[in-house]
N, C-alpha and C. Protein backbone atom coordinates (compact mmCIF):
# COMPACT_ATOMS: atom_id res chain seq x y z
N UNK A 1 3.36 7.88 -66.41
CA UNK A 1 3.87 7.08 -65.30
C UNK A 1 3.96 5.62 -65.77
N UNK A 2 5.10 5.04 -65.61
CA UNK A 2 5.33 3.67 -66.06
C UNK A 2 5.04 2.69 -64.93
N UNK A 3 4.62 1.50 -65.34
CA UNK A 3 4.39 0.41 -64.39
C UNK A 3 4.53 -0.88 -65.18
N UNK A 4 4.77 -2.00 -64.50
CA UNK A 4 4.88 -3.27 -65.22
C UNK A 4 3.64 -3.57 -66.09
N UNK A 5 2.46 -3.24 -65.59
CA UNK A 5 1.23 -3.49 -66.33
C UNK A 5 1.16 -2.62 -67.59
N UNK A 6 1.43 -1.33 -67.43
CA UNK A 6 1.42 -0.43 -68.58
C UNK A 6 2.52 -0.78 -69.57
N UNK A 7 3.69 -1.16 -69.04
CA UNK A 7 4.79 -1.57 -69.93
C UNK A 7 4.40 -2.80 -70.74
N UNK A 8 3.74 -3.76 -70.10
CA UNK A 8 3.32 -4.97 -70.81
C UNK A 8 2.34 -4.61 -71.93
N UNK A 9 1.35 -3.80 -71.59
CA UNK A 9 0.39 -3.38 -72.61
C UNK A 9 1.10 -2.68 -73.77
N UNK A 10 2.01 -1.78 -73.43
CA UNK A 10 2.75 -1.04 -74.46
C UNK A 10 3.57 -1.99 -75.34
N UNK A 11 4.23 -2.96 -74.72
CA UNK A 11 5.03 -3.93 -75.48
C UNK A 11 4.16 -4.80 -76.39
N UNK A 12 2.88 -4.94 -76.04
CA UNK A 12 1.94 -5.69 -76.88
C UNK A 12 1.29 -4.79 -77.94
N UNK A 13 1.63 -3.51 -77.92
CA UNK A 13 1.01 -2.57 -78.85
C UNK A 13 -0.44 -2.29 -78.48
N UNK A 14 -0.74 -2.36 -77.20
CA UNK A 14 -2.11 -2.17 -76.72
C UNK A 14 -2.15 -1.08 -75.67
N UNK A 15 -3.35 -0.63 -75.37
CA UNK A 15 -3.57 0.30 -74.26
C UNK A 15 -4.94 -0.01 -73.65
N UNK A 16 -5.17 0.51 -72.48
CA UNK A 16 -6.42 0.26 -71.77
C UNK A 16 -7.14 1.60 -71.61
N UNK A 17 -8.33 1.70 -72.18
CA UNK A 17 -9.12 2.92 -72.11
C UNK A 17 -10.16 2.79 -71.00
N UNK A 18 -10.13 3.71 -70.01
CA UNK A 18 -11.08 3.61 -68.91
C UNK A 18 -12.53 3.66 -69.39
N UNK A 19 -13.36 2.85 -68.76
CA UNK A 19 -14.80 2.84 -69.01
C UNK A 19 -15.48 3.57 -67.86
N UNK A 20 -16.60 4.20 -68.17
CA UNK A 20 -17.44 4.81 -67.15
C UNK A 20 -18.64 3.91 -66.93
N UNK A 21 -19.26 3.99 -65.76
CA UNK A 21 -20.49 3.21 -65.57
C UNK A 21 -21.49 3.54 -66.68
N UNK A 22 -22.10 2.50 -67.21
CA UNK A 22 -23.07 2.68 -68.28
C UNK A 22 -22.47 2.73 -69.67
N UNK A 23 -21.15 2.53 -69.80
CA UNK A 23 -20.53 2.52 -71.12
C UNK A 23 -21.15 1.41 -71.95
N UNK A 24 -21.54 1.74 -73.21
CA UNK A 24 -22.16 0.72 -74.05
C UNK A 24 -21.22 -0.46 -74.28
N UNK A 25 -21.76 -1.64 -74.23
CA UNK A 25 -21.07 -2.90 -74.52
C UNK A 25 -20.01 -3.29 -73.49
N UNK A 26 -19.74 -2.46 -72.51
CA UNK A 26 -18.74 -2.80 -71.49
C UNK A 26 -19.43 -3.55 -70.35
N UNK A 27 -18.74 -4.52 -69.77
CA UNK A 27 -19.31 -5.17 -68.59
C UNK A 27 -19.56 -4.14 -67.49
N UNK A 28 -20.63 -4.31 -66.75
CA UNK A 28 -20.91 -3.44 -65.61
C UNK A 28 -20.20 -4.01 -64.38
N UNK A 29 -19.55 -3.16 -63.64
CA UNK A 29 -18.78 -3.57 -62.47
C UNK A 29 -19.37 -2.89 -61.25
N UNK A 30 -19.46 -3.63 -60.14
CA UNK A 30 -19.95 -3.00 -58.92
C UNK A 30 -19.35 -3.66 -57.69
N UNK A 31 -19.30 -2.86 -56.64
CA UNK A 31 -18.98 -3.34 -55.30
C UNK A 31 -20.07 -2.77 -54.39
N UNK A 32 -20.32 -3.41 -53.27
CA UNK A 32 -21.41 -2.91 -52.41
C UNK A 32 -21.04 -1.59 -51.74
N UNK A 33 -22.05 -0.78 -51.46
CA UNK A 33 -21.86 0.43 -50.66
C UNK A 33 -22.16 0.05 -49.22
N UNK A 34 -21.11 -0.28 -48.49
CA UNK A 34 -21.26 -0.77 -47.12
C UNK A 34 -21.53 0.39 -46.16
N UNK A 35 -22.18 0.10 -45.01
CA UNK A 35 -22.41 1.15 -44.01
C UNK A 35 -21.10 1.81 -43.60
N UNK A 36 -21.12 3.14 -43.53
CA UNK A 36 -19.93 3.90 -43.15
C UNK A 36 -19.08 4.31 -44.33
N UNK A 37 -19.31 3.73 -45.48
CA UNK A 37 -18.55 4.04 -46.69
C UNK A 37 -19.37 4.97 -47.57
N UNK A 38 -18.71 5.97 -48.15
CA UNK A 38 -19.40 6.93 -49.00
C UNK A 38 -18.78 6.93 -50.40
N UNK A 39 -19.60 7.24 -51.37
CA UNK A 39 -19.15 7.31 -52.76
C UNK A 39 -18.30 8.55 -52.95
N UNK A 40 -17.17 8.38 -53.61
CA UNK A 40 -16.29 9.50 -53.94
C UNK A 40 -16.70 9.99 -55.33
N UNK A 41 -16.97 11.28 -55.49
CA UNK A 41 -17.33 11.79 -56.82
C UNK A 41 -16.25 11.42 -57.85
N UNK A 42 -16.69 11.00 -59.04
CA UNK A 42 -15.76 10.52 -60.07
C UNK A 42 -14.71 11.56 -60.43
N UNK A 43 -15.07 12.84 -60.39
CA UNK A 43 -14.09 13.88 -60.75
C UNK A 43 -12.94 13.97 -59.76
N UNK A 44 -13.12 13.44 -58.56
CA UNK A 44 -12.03 13.45 -57.57
C UNK A 44 -11.07 12.28 -57.75
N UNK A 45 -11.46 11.28 -58.53
CA UNK A 45 -10.61 10.11 -58.78
C UNK A 45 -10.59 9.88 -60.30
N UNK A 46 -9.86 10.73 -61.03
CA UNK A 46 -9.85 10.63 -62.49
C UNK A 46 -9.42 9.23 -62.95
N UNK A 47 -10.15 8.71 -63.91
CA UNK A 47 -9.82 7.40 -64.47
C UNK A 47 -10.42 6.23 -63.73
N UNK A 48 -10.95 6.48 -62.53
CA UNK A 48 -11.56 5.39 -61.76
C UNK A 48 -12.99 5.16 -62.25
N UNK A 49 -13.39 3.92 -62.24
CA UNK A 49 -14.75 3.54 -62.57
C UNK A 49 -15.67 3.90 -61.40
N UNK A 50 -15.19 3.61 -60.20
CA UNK A 50 -15.91 3.98 -58.98
C UNK A 50 -14.93 3.96 -57.81
N UNK A 51 -15.31 4.67 -56.75
CA UNK A 51 -14.48 4.70 -55.55
C UNK A 51 -15.36 4.98 -54.33
N UNK A 52 -14.99 4.34 -53.24
CA UNK A 52 -15.66 4.55 -51.96
C UNK A 52 -14.60 4.88 -50.93
N UNK A 53 -14.99 5.61 -49.90
CA UNK A 53 -14.08 5.90 -48.79
C UNK A 53 -14.86 5.81 -47.48
N UNK A 54 -14.13 5.59 -46.39
CA UNK A 54 -14.75 5.53 -45.08
C UNK A 54 -14.18 6.66 -44.23
N UNK A 55 -14.86 7.82 -44.22
CA UNK A 55 -14.35 8.97 -43.49
C UNK A 55 -14.28 8.79 -41.98
N UNK A 56 -15.00 7.82 -41.43
CA UNK A 56 -14.97 7.59 -39.98
C UNK A 56 -13.59 7.15 -39.51
N UNK A 57 -12.78 6.61 -40.42
CA UNK A 57 -11.45 6.11 -40.06
C UNK A 57 -10.34 6.98 -40.64
N UNK A 58 -10.67 8.24 -40.94
CA UNK A 58 -9.68 9.18 -41.46
C UNK A 58 -8.58 9.38 -40.42
N UNK A 59 -7.32 9.35 -40.89
CA UNK A 59 -6.17 9.54 -40.01
C UNK A 59 -5.02 10.11 -40.83
N UNK A 60 -4.36 11.08 -40.28
CA UNK A 60 -3.20 11.70 -40.92
C UNK A 60 -3.52 12.17 -42.35
N UNK A 61 -4.73 12.69 -42.55
CA UNK A 61 -5.12 13.19 -43.87
C UNK A 61 -5.42 12.10 -44.88
N UNK A 62 -5.58 10.88 -44.43
CA UNK A 62 -5.82 9.74 -45.32
C UNK A 62 -7.02 8.95 -44.79
N UNK A 63 -7.80 8.36 -45.70
CA UNK A 63 -8.94 7.55 -45.29
C UNK A 63 -8.96 6.23 -46.06
N UNK A 64 -9.49 5.17 -45.46
CA UNK A 64 -9.62 3.89 -46.15
C UNK A 64 -10.39 4.08 -47.46
N UNK A 65 -10.05 3.26 -48.46
CA UNK A 65 -10.72 3.41 -49.74
C UNK A 65 -10.82 2.08 -50.48
N UNK A 66 -11.79 2.04 -51.36
CA UNK A 66 -11.98 0.91 -52.29
C UNK A 66 -12.15 1.55 -53.67
N UNK A 67 -11.24 1.23 -54.58
CA UNK A 67 -11.22 1.86 -55.89
C UNK A 67 -11.32 0.79 -56.98
N UNK A 68 -12.24 1.01 -57.91
CA UNK A 68 -12.40 0.12 -59.06
C UNK A 68 -11.90 0.84 -60.30
N UNK A 69 -10.94 0.21 -60.98
CA UNK A 69 -10.51 0.66 -62.30
C UNK A 69 -11.05 -0.38 -63.28
N UNK A 70 -11.56 0.09 -64.41
CA UNK A 70 -12.18 -0.82 -65.37
C UNK A 70 -11.99 -0.23 -66.76
N UNK A 71 -11.35 -0.99 -67.63
CA UNK A 71 -11.10 -0.44 -68.96
C UNK A 71 -11.09 -1.48 -70.04
N UNK A 72 -11.29 -1.00 -71.26
CA UNK A 72 -11.27 -1.85 -72.45
C UNK A 72 -9.86 -1.86 -73.01
N UNK A 73 -9.34 -3.06 -73.24
CA UNK A 73 -8.02 -3.20 -73.83
C UNK A 73 -8.17 -3.08 -75.34
N UNK A 74 -7.30 -2.30 -75.97
CA UNK A 74 -7.47 -1.94 -77.38
C UNK A 74 -7.39 -3.12 -78.34
N UNK A 75 -6.73 -4.18 -77.94
CA UNK A 75 -6.70 -5.39 -78.76
C UNK A 75 -6.51 -6.58 -77.84
N UNK A 76 -6.90 -7.75 -78.30
CA UNK A 76 -6.79 -8.94 -77.45
C UNK A 76 -5.33 -9.27 -77.21
N UNK A 77 -5.01 -9.50 -75.94
CA UNK A 77 -3.66 -9.87 -75.55
C UNK A 77 -3.73 -11.08 -74.63
N UNK A 78 -2.60 -11.64 -74.31
CA UNK A 78 -2.54 -12.80 -73.44
C UNK A 78 -2.96 -12.42 -72.02
N UNK A 79 -4.03 -13.04 -71.54
CA UNK A 79 -4.47 -12.79 -70.16
C UNK A 79 -3.39 -13.22 -69.18
N UNK A 80 -2.74 -14.35 -69.44
CA UNK A 80 -1.70 -14.84 -68.53
C UNK A 80 -0.51 -13.88 -68.50
N UNK A 81 -0.12 -13.35 -69.65
CA UNK A 81 0.97 -12.38 -69.71
C UNK A 81 0.63 -11.11 -68.94
N UNK A 82 -0.61 -10.66 -69.09
CA UNK A 82 -1.05 -9.46 -68.37
C UNK A 82 -1.06 -9.70 -66.87
N UNK A 83 -1.51 -10.87 -66.44
CA UNK A 83 -1.52 -11.18 -65.01
C UNK A 83 -0.09 -11.36 -64.48
N UNK A 84 0.83 -11.88 -65.31
CA UNK A 84 2.24 -11.95 -64.90
C UNK A 84 2.76 -10.56 -64.60
N UNK A 85 2.44 -9.60 -65.48
CA UNK A 85 2.88 -8.22 -65.27
C UNK A 85 2.22 -7.62 -64.03
N UNK A 86 0.93 -7.89 -63.85
CA UNK A 86 0.20 -7.37 -62.70
C UNK A 86 0.79 -7.89 -61.39
N UNK A 87 1.30 -9.09 -61.41
CA UNK A 87 1.87 -9.72 -60.21
C UNK A 87 3.04 -8.90 -59.65
N UNK A 88 3.71 -8.16 -60.52
CA UNK A 88 4.87 -7.38 -60.06
C UNK A 88 4.51 -5.93 -59.74
N UNK A 89 3.27 -5.50 -60.02
CA UNK A 89 2.83 -4.12 -59.76
C UNK A 89 3.03 -3.68 -58.31
N UNK A 90 2.54 -4.43 -57.32
CA UNK A 90 2.62 -3.94 -55.94
C UNK A 90 4.05 -3.74 -55.43
N UNK A 91 5.01 -4.44 -56.02
CA UNK A 91 6.40 -4.31 -55.55
C UNK A 91 6.92 -2.89 -55.67
N UNK A 92 6.27 -2.05 -56.48
CA UNK A 92 6.68 -0.65 -56.62
C UNK A 92 6.24 0.20 -55.42
N UNK A 93 5.35 -0.33 -54.59
CA UNK A 93 4.90 0.41 -53.42
C UNK A 93 6.01 0.45 -52.37
N UNK A 94 6.15 1.57 -51.65
CA UNK A 94 7.23 1.68 -50.67
C UNK A 94 7.13 0.65 -49.54
N UNK A 95 8.22 -0.05 -49.34
CA UNK A 95 8.33 -1.07 -48.29
C UNK A 95 7.23 -2.14 -48.40
N UNK A 96 6.92 -2.53 -49.63
CA UNK A 96 5.90 -3.54 -49.88
C UNK A 96 6.31 -4.89 -49.30
N UNK A 97 5.39 -5.52 -48.56
CA UNK A 97 5.56 -6.88 -48.07
C UNK A 97 4.34 -7.67 -48.52
N UNK A 98 4.58 -8.64 -49.38
CA UNK A 98 3.48 -9.44 -49.90
C UNK A 98 3.10 -10.52 -48.90
N UNK A 99 1.80 -10.64 -48.62
CA UNK A 99 1.30 -11.68 -47.72
C UNK A 99 0.70 -12.84 -48.50
N UNK A 100 0.13 -12.51 -49.69
CA UNK A 100 -0.57 -13.52 -50.46
C UNK A 100 -0.63 -13.09 -51.92
N UNK A 101 -0.41 -14.04 -52.80
CA UNK A 101 -0.65 -13.84 -54.24
C UNK A 101 -1.26 -15.14 -54.74
N UNK A 102 -2.43 -15.05 -55.34
CA UNK A 102 -3.14 -16.25 -55.80
C UNK A 102 -3.72 -16.01 -57.18
N UNK A 103 -3.50 -16.99 -58.03
CA UNK A 103 -4.05 -16.94 -59.38
C UNK A 103 -5.12 -17.99 -59.49
N UNK A 104 -6.33 -17.57 -59.29
CA UNK A 104 -7.47 -18.46 -59.43
C UNK A 104 -8.53 -17.71 -60.21
N UNK A 105 -9.27 -18.41 -61.05
CA UNK A 105 -10.32 -17.72 -61.82
C UNK A 105 -11.31 -17.00 -60.88
N UNK A 106 -11.77 -15.83 -61.34
CA UNK A 106 -12.80 -15.09 -60.62
C UNK A 106 -14.07 -15.20 -61.44
N UNK A 107 -15.02 -15.96 -60.94
CA UNK A 107 -16.28 -16.18 -61.66
C UNK A 107 -16.03 -16.60 -63.10
N UNK A 108 -15.04 -17.49 -63.28
CA UNK A 108 -14.74 -18.04 -64.60
C UNK A 108 -13.78 -17.22 -65.43
N UNK A 109 -13.32 -16.07 -64.93
CA UNK A 109 -12.41 -15.21 -65.67
C UNK A 109 -10.99 -15.31 -65.09
N UNK A 110 -9.97 -15.21 -65.95
CA UNK A 110 -8.59 -15.21 -65.43
C UNK A 110 -8.42 -14.08 -64.41
N UNK A 111 -7.76 -14.38 -63.29
CA UNK A 111 -7.67 -13.40 -62.21
C UNK A 111 -6.40 -13.59 -61.38
N UNK A 112 -6.01 -12.51 -60.75
CA UNK A 112 -4.91 -12.51 -59.79
C UNK A 112 -5.38 -11.74 -58.57
N UNK A 113 -5.12 -12.28 -57.37
CA UNK A 113 -5.43 -11.58 -56.12
C UNK A 113 -4.12 -11.43 -55.36
N UNK A 114 -3.84 -10.19 -54.94
CA UNK A 114 -2.60 -9.89 -54.20
C UNK A 114 -2.98 -9.15 -52.92
N UNK A 115 -2.28 -9.51 -51.83
CA UNK A 115 -2.54 -8.89 -50.53
C UNK A 115 -1.20 -8.61 -49.86
N UNK A 116 -1.10 -7.44 -49.21
CA UNK A 116 0.13 -7.13 -48.51
C UNK A 116 0.06 -5.80 -47.78
N UNK A 117 1.22 -5.40 -47.27
CA UNK A 117 1.32 -4.13 -46.56
C UNK A 117 2.41 -3.27 -47.19
N UNK A 118 2.26 -1.97 -47.01
CA UNK A 118 3.29 -1.03 -47.45
C UNK A 118 3.22 0.21 -46.57
N UNK A 119 4.18 1.11 -46.73
CA UNK A 119 4.23 2.30 -45.89
C UNK A 119 4.33 3.55 -46.74
N UNK A 120 3.59 4.57 -46.31
CA UNK A 120 3.67 5.89 -46.91
C UNK A 120 3.88 6.86 -45.75
N UNK A 121 5.05 7.52 -45.76
CA UNK A 121 5.45 8.37 -44.65
C UNK A 121 5.35 7.58 -43.36
N UNK A 122 4.55 8.01 -42.39
CA UNK A 122 4.43 7.28 -41.12
C UNK A 122 3.18 6.42 -41.05
N UNK A 123 2.60 6.12 -42.20
CA UNK A 123 1.36 5.38 -42.23
C UNK A 123 1.60 3.98 -42.81
N UNK A 124 1.24 2.95 -42.04
CA UNK A 124 1.34 1.57 -42.50
C UNK A 124 -0.02 1.17 -43.06
N UNK A 125 -0.02 0.69 -44.31
CA UNK A 125 -1.27 0.38 -45.00
C UNK A 125 -1.35 -1.09 -45.39
N UNK A 126 -2.56 -1.62 -45.33
CA UNK A 126 -2.86 -2.98 -45.77
C UNK A 126 -3.68 -2.84 -47.05
N UNK A 127 -3.29 -3.57 -48.10
CA UNK A 127 -3.99 -3.45 -49.38
C UNK A 127 -4.25 -4.81 -50.00
N UNK A 128 -5.40 -4.91 -50.65
CA UNK A 128 -5.71 -6.07 -51.48
C UNK A 128 -6.00 -5.54 -52.88
N UNK A 129 -5.58 -6.29 -53.88
CA UNK A 129 -5.91 -5.94 -55.26
C UNK A 129 -6.30 -7.20 -56.01
N UNK A 130 -7.42 -7.13 -56.70
CA UNK A 130 -7.84 -8.21 -57.58
C UNK A 130 -7.84 -7.66 -59.00
N UNK A 131 -7.14 -8.38 -59.90
CA UNK A 131 -7.13 -8.08 -61.32
C UNK A 131 -7.94 -9.16 -62.01
N UNK A 132 -8.87 -8.76 -62.89
CA UNK A 132 -9.70 -9.72 -63.61
C UNK A 132 -9.69 -9.34 -65.09
N UNK A 133 -9.46 -10.34 -65.94
CA UNK A 133 -9.51 -10.14 -67.39
C UNK A 133 -10.83 -10.75 -67.88
N UNK A 134 -11.64 -9.93 -68.54
CA UNK A 134 -12.94 -10.38 -69.02
C UNK A 134 -12.98 -10.26 -70.54
N UNK A 135 -13.24 -11.38 -71.20
CA UNK A 135 -13.40 -11.38 -72.65
C UNK A 135 -14.88 -11.38 -72.98
N UNK A 136 -15.30 -10.43 -73.83
CA UNK A 136 -16.69 -10.35 -74.27
C UNK A 136 -16.70 -10.22 -75.79
N UNK A 137 -17.88 -10.27 -76.37
CA UNK A 137 -18.00 -10.06 -77.82
C UNK A 137 -17.53 -8.67 -78.21
N UNK A 138 -17.60 -7.71 -77.27
CA UNK A 138 -17.19 -6.33 -77.54
C UNK A 138 -15.70 -6.11 -77.32
N UNK A 139 -14.98 -7.12 -76.84
CA UNK A 139 -13.55 -6.97 -76.61
C UNK A 139 -13.10 -7.50 -75.26
N UNK A 140 -11.86 -7.20 -74.96
CA UNK A 140 -11.24 -7.66 -73.72
C UNK A 140 -11.18 -6.49 -72.74
N UNK A 141 -11.49 -6.77 -71.47
CA UNK A 141 -11.54 -5.74 -70.45
C UNK A 141 -10.67 -6.15 -69.26
N UNK A 142 -10.09 -5.14 -68.61
CA UNK A 142 -9.31 -5.34 -67.39
C UNK A 142 -10.03 -4.62 -66.26
N UNK A 143 -10.34 -5.36 -65.22
CA UNK A 143 -10.95 -4.78 -64.02
C UNK A 143 -9.97 -4.95 -62.87
N UNK A 144 -9.81 -3.88 -62.10
CA UNK A 144 -8.91 -3.91 -60.95
C UNK A 144 -9.64 -3.32 -59.76
N UNK A 145 -9.74 -4.08 -58.69
CA UNK A 145 -10.31 -3.59 -57.43
C UNK A 145 -9.20 -3.55 -56.40
N UNK A 146 -8.94 -2.36 -55.85
CA UNK A 146 -7.95 -2.23 -54.78
C UNK A 146 -8.65 -1.67 -53.55
N UNK A 147 -8.47 -2.36 -52.43
CA UNK A 147 -9.03 -1.92 -51.15
C UNK A 147 -7.84 -1.67 -50.23
N UNK A 148 -7.80 -0.46 -49.65
CA UNK A 148 -6.66 -0.08 -48.80
C UNK A 148 -7.17 0.49 -47.49
N UNK A 149 -6.64 -0.04 -46.38
CA UNK A 149 -6.97 0.44 -45.04
C UNK A 149 -5.67 0.56 -44.24
N UNK A 150 -5.67 1.44 -43.25
CA UNK A 150 -4.52 1.54 -42.35
C UNK A 150 -4.43 0.24 -41.56
N UNK A 151 -3.21 -0.23 -41.33
CA UNK A 151 -3.06 -1.48 -40.58
C UNK A 151 -3.64 -1.35 -39.18
N UNK A 152 -3.65 -0.14 -38.63
CA UNK A 152 -4.20 0.07 -37.28
C UNK A 152 -5.72 -0.08 -37.26
N UNK A 153 -6.37 -0.05 -38.42
CA UNK A 153 -7.83 -0.19 -38.47
C UNK A 153 -8.25 -1.53 -39.07
N UNK A 154 -7.28 -2.37 -39.38
CA UNK A 154 -7.60 -3.63 -40.05
C UNK A 154 -8.55 -4.50 -39.22
N UNK A 155 -8.37 -4.56 -37.91
CA UNK A 155 -9.28 -5.36 -37.09
C UNK A 155 -10.72 -4.87 -37.25
N UNK A 156 -10.92 -3.55 -37.25
CA UNK A 156 -12.26 -2.98 -37.39
C UNK A 156 -12.82 -3.14 -38.80
N UNK A 157 -11.96 -3.07 -39.81
CA UNK A 157 -12.42 -3.03 -41.20
C UNK A 157 -12.19 -4.33 -41.98
N UNK A 158 -11.67 -5.36 -41.32
CA UNK A 158 -11.37 -6.61 -42.01
C UNK A 158 -12.59 -7.19 -42.73
N UNK A 159 -13.74 -7.20 -42.07
CA UNK A 159 -14.95 -7.75 -42.69
C UNK A 159 -15.32 -6.93 -43.93
N UNK A 160 -15.15 -5.61 -43.87
CA UNK A 160 -15.44 -4.77 -45.03
C UNK A 160 -14.50 -5.12 -46.19
N UNK A 161 -13.22 -5.28 -45.90
CA UNK A 161 -12.24 -5.63 -46.94
C UNK A 161 -12.64 -6.95 -47.60
N UNK A 162 -12.96 -7.94 -46.80
CA UNK A 162 -13.37 -9.25 -47.32
C UNK A 162 -14.66 -9.13 -48.13
N UNK A 163 -15.59 -8.34 -47.63
CA UNK A 163 -16.88 -8.17 -48.32
C UNK A 163 -16.68 -7.52 -49.69
N UNK A 164 -15.90 -6.45 -49.75
CA UNK A 164 -15.65 -5.80 -51.05
C UNK A 164 -15.07 -6.82 -52.04
N UNK A 165 -14.07 -7.56 -51.57
CA UNK A 165 -13.41 -8.51 -52.47
C UNK A 165 -14.31 -9.66 -52.90
N UNK A 166 -15.12 -10.15 -51.99
CA UNK A 166 -15.98 -11.29 -52.34
C UNK A 166 -17.22 -10.86 -53.12
N UNK A 167 -17.65 -9.61 -52.96
CA UNK A 167 -18.88 -9.15 -53.62
C UNK A 167 -18.61 -8.40 -54.93
N UNK A 168 -17.36 -8.32 -55.35
CA UNK A 168 -17.07 -7.71 -56.65
C UNK A 168 -17.92 -8.39 -57.71
N UNK A 169 -18.66 -7.59 -58.48
CA UNK A 169 -19.54 -8.14 -59.51
C UNK A 169 -19.14 -7.56 -60.87
N UNK A 170 -19.01 -8.45 -61.84
CA UNK A 170 -18.71 -8.04 -63.21
C UNK A 170 -19.75 -8.72 -64.09
N UNK A 171 -20.69 -7.92 -64.62
CA UNK A 171 -21.78 -8.45 -65.44
C UNK A 171 -21.52 -8.12 -66.91
N UNK A 172 -21.66 -9.10 -67.75
CA UNK A 172 -21.41 -8.90 -69.19
C UNK A 172 -22.24 -7.75 -69.74
N UNK A 173 -21.60 -6.96 -70.61
CA UNK A 173 -22.26 -5.79 -71.19
C UNK A 173 -23.07 -6.13 -72.42
C-alpha cells in the first residue's frame, strides 16, 4: 500500500521497521490507559506498537481508538522532508477536512500535529495524528499517534483525545 510517507522513505532508499515494546535500544513510547479504554491485543493490530479502544462508544461496528505506530528508520533521513510527506498523508482519507496542522517540536523532537474529520460509509470521524522524529545513538525513529473518535461522541471524548495527545511519552532507549 502506497502513501506519501512510504513513498518519501522509498525515494530516500529507506524503510521503517516496526518496533515492539521493549525493543533493545529503541525509545519506549506510551500513552495513558484512560478509564473506559481497553488495550487491544497486538495480534489484532499488526505493526502497531500499541492500541487502545473504548468499547462503550461502539457504533456501527466501529469503536474509538488510539493507535501508536513506532519504528526505526533504516538510515538517517531529513526529518523536515519526512514531516512534509506526513503532512499530505491525511488527504488520502475519504472526504478529509483539515482543521489544524501545526509543526512544532514535541519535547524537543521535530513533530507535526494534524487534526480533522473524514467519512467512512455513514460514519463521520474526528482524528488527530502526531508524527514525531526521534534521533538517538541507536538511529532515527518515527513515532505516530493517531486518535480517532466518531464526531457524534467528540463532546464526550474530547478530554480523552486531548489527554492522549498531551500525555504521549517517548523515552530514549
